[in-house]
Amino acid sequence: MNDERVRIGARIRELRESAGMTQNQLAEKSRLLASNIDRIEKGKYSPDLDILSCIAAVFGKKVDFI
């Protein structure tokens, strides 16, 4: 498994949990599928820049913060 993918997934999970959000809520707010959020957080999916931008925007962050 790619270490960077795992790091990014863990960071997204950390941000989501800190915001008190479920994966479903993050998916709804970012207009992504909940299954994709789950795969990203587990490091099983390599999100592209557009997906990362959608997720970062939910938290009021830039992609470089993730």
Protein backbone atom coordinates (compact mmCIF):
# COMPACT_ATOMS: atom_id res chain seq x y z
CA MET A 1 0.00 0.00 0.00
CA ASN A 2 1.23 3.48 -0.83
CA ASP A 3 2.39 5.33 2.31
CA GLU A 4 1.32 8.72 0.95
CA ARG A 5 -2.18 7.42 0.19
CA VAL A 6 -2.43 6.10 3.74
CA ARG A 7 -1.16 9.42 5.18
CA ILE A 8 -3.67 11.46 3.19
CA GLY A 9 -6.52 9.13 4.12
CA ALA A 10 -5.61 9.36 7.80
CA ARG A 11 -5.46 13.15 7.58
CA ILE A 12 -8.90 13.32 5.99
CA ARG A 13 -10.31 11.01 8.67
CA GLU A 14 -8.70 13.20 11.35
CA LEU A 15 -10.25 16.35 9.89
CA ARG A 16 -13.65 14.67 9.54
CA GLU A 17 -13.67 13.32 13.08
CA SER A 18 -12.47 16.65 14.49
CA ALA A 19 -15.43 18.28 12.76
CA GLY A 20 -17.79 15.70 14.30
CA MET A 21 -18.81 14.45 10.87
CA THR A 22 -19.69 10.99 9.68
CA GLN A 23 -18.39 9.66 6.38
CA ASN A 24 -21.91 10.05 4.99
CA GLN A 25 -22.02 13.71 6.00
CA LEU A 26 -18.63 14.38 4.44
CA ALA A 27 -19.72 12.59 1.29
CA GLU A 28 -22.88 14.69 1.06
CA LYS A 29 -21.07 17.97 1.65
CA SER A 30 -18.27 17.15 -0.81
CA ARG A 31 -20.68 15.61 -3.36
CA LEU A 32 -18.77 12.34 -3.35
CA LEU A 33 -19.91 8.81 -2.68
CA ALA A 34 -19.63 7.63 0.93
CA SER A 35 -17.96 4.46 -0.34
CA ASN A 36 -15.23 6.60 -1.92
CA ILE A 37 -14.70 8.51 1.34
CA ASP A 38 -14.31 5.17 3.12
CA ARG A 39 -11.80 3.90 0.55
CA ILE A 40 -9.83 7.16 0.67
CA GLU A 41 -9.64 7.10 4.46
CA LYS A 42 -8.44 3.48 4.41
CA GLY A 43 -5.72 4.32 1.87
CA LYS A 44 -7.26 2.02 -0.72
CA TYR A 45 -8.06 4.73 -3.25
CA SER A 46 -5.81 7.37 -4.72
CA PRO A 47 -7.93 10.53 -5.03
CA ASP A 48 -7.14 13.02 -7.76
CA LEU A 49 -6.69 16.74 -7.19
CA ASP A 50 -10.35 17.54 -7.93
CA ILE A 51 -11.56 15.10 -5.27
CA LEU A 52 -9.04 16.39 -2.73
CA SER A 53 -10.14 19.95 -3.50
CA CYS A 54 -13.79 19.04 -2.85
CA ILE A 55 -12.91 17.46 0.48
CA ALA A 56 -10.58 20.30 1.53
CA ALA A 57 -13.27 22.88 0.72
CA VAL A 58 -15.67 21.23 3.18
CA PHE A 59 -13.16 21.96 5.94
CA GLY A 60 -12.25 25.44 4.67
CA LYS A 61 -8.74 24.24 3.84
CA LYS A 62 -6.48 24.18 0.82
CA VAL A 63 -5.24 20.91 -0.61
CA ASP A 64 -1.71 21.62 0.62
CA PHE A 65 -3.03 21.45 4.20
CA ILE A 66 -4.10 17.83 3.73
